[in-house]
Protein backbone atom coordinates (compact mmCIF):
# COMPACT_ATOMS: atom_id res chain seq x y z
CA UNK A 1 -14.04 6.97 -6.39
CA UNK A 2 -14.42 3.97 -4.28
CA UNK A 3 -11.35 1.49 -3.30
CA UNK A 4 -11.96 -0.87 -5.75
CA UNK A 5 -11.58 1.84 -8.66
CA UNK A 6 -8.41 2.94 -6.58
CA UNK A 7 -7.21 -0.49 -6.48
CA UNK A 8 -7.42 -0.56 -10.42
CA UNK A 9 -5.52 2.60 -10.77
CA UNK A 10 -2.88 1.51 -8.44
CA UNK A 11 -2.66 -2.19 -10.10
CA UNK A 12 -2.02 -0.35 -13.52
CA UNK A 13 0.67 1.87 -12.42
CA UNK A 14 2.46 -0.80 -10.56
CA UNK A 15 2.29 -3.25 -13.84
CA UNK A 16 3.51 -0.22 -15.92
CA UNK A 17 6.35 0.81 -13.58
CA UNK A 18 7.68 -2.46 -12.26
CA UNK A 19 5.90 -5.17 -14.45
CA UNK A 20 4.04 -6.53 -11.60
CA UNK A 21 0.71 -5.75 -9.96
CA UNK A 22 0.33 -5.27 -6.06
CA UNK A 23 1.71 -8.18 -3.73
CA UNK A 24 -0.95 -9.47 -0.87
CA UNK A 25 0.60 -7.34 1.49
CA UNK A 26 0.50 -4.17 -0.49
CA UNK A 27 -2.95 -4.71 -1.19
CA UNK A 28 -3.53 -5.17 2.55
CA UNK A 29 -1.85 -1.93 3.29
CA UNK A 30 -3.87 -0.08 0.44
CA UNK A 31 -6.95 -1.22 2.26
CA UNK A 32 -5.82 -0.57 5.31
CA UNK A 33 -4.66 3.26 4.59
CA UNK A 34 -8.10 3.69 2.75
CA UNK A 35 -9.88 2.85 5.83
CA UNK A 36 -7.56 5.39 7.88
CA UNK A 37 -5.84 2.72 9.87
CA UNK A 38 -2.63 2.68 11.46
CA UNK A 39 0.01 0.30 10.90
CA UNK A 40 -0.21 -0.94 14.32
CA UNK A 41 -4.02 -1.74 13.67
CA UNK A 42 -3.26 -3.33 10.39
CA UNK A 43 -0.53 -5.56 12.05
CA UNK A 44 -3.16 -6.46 14.84
CA UNK A 45 -5.89 -7.22 12.74
CA UNK A 46 -3.79 -9.54 10.45
CA UNK A 47 -3.51 -12.06 13.31
CA UNK A 48 0.20 -12.16 13.12
CA UNK A 49 0.19 -12.63 9.35
CA UNK A 50 2.24 -9.32 9.12
CA UNK A 51 4.23 -7.68 12.11
CA UNK A 52 4.09 -4.03 12.75
CA UNK A 53 7.77 -3.39 11.85
CA UNK A 54 7.36 -5.18 8.56
CA UNK A 55 4.19 -2.99 7.41
CA UNK A 56 5.81 0.36 8.53
CA UNK A 57 9.42 -0.07 7.86
CA UNK A 58 9.68 -2.37 5.14
CA UNK A 59 6.52 -2.71 2.63
CA UNK A 60 5.06 0.74 3.27
CA UNK A 61 8.00 2.96 2.51
CA UNK A 62 8.55 0.93 -0.64
CA UNK A 63 5.13 0.98 -1.73
CA UNK A 64 4.73 4.50 -1.26
CA UNK A 65 7.96 5.09 -3.09
CA UNK A 66 7.34 3.35 -6.35
CA UNK A 67 3.77 4.88 -6.26
CA UNK A 68 5.16 8.29 -5.95
CA UNK A 69 7.83 7.52 -8.73
CA UNK A 70 4.99 6.63 -10.89
CA UNK A 71 2.79 9.45 -10.43
CA UNK A 72 5.56 11.82 -10.10
CA UNK A 73 3.99 13.41 -7.08
CA UNK A 74 4.73 12.60 -3.14
CA UNK A 75 2.84 9.72 -1.76
CA UNK A 76 2.64 8.53 1.59
CA UNK A 77 0.38 6.97 4.24
CA UNK A 78 -0.39 10.30 5.93
CA UNK A 79 -1.11 12.24 2.69
């Protein structure tokens, strides 16, 4: 499976679970995670668009939580 395939799966899950697809920042986290990047790297590469704290302590945990609920399995960045 490539990233685009995985992205389509996640989009469909989120549309079903919460009635909306991925926000830009969530897609950014998914893509960074797919490329095995740490939150700090993602924040640095965003050119100050997203802070480390925002990615790691706000958006990331919420994204993994909604995906875990939709899949019925534990999901996280380190999985």
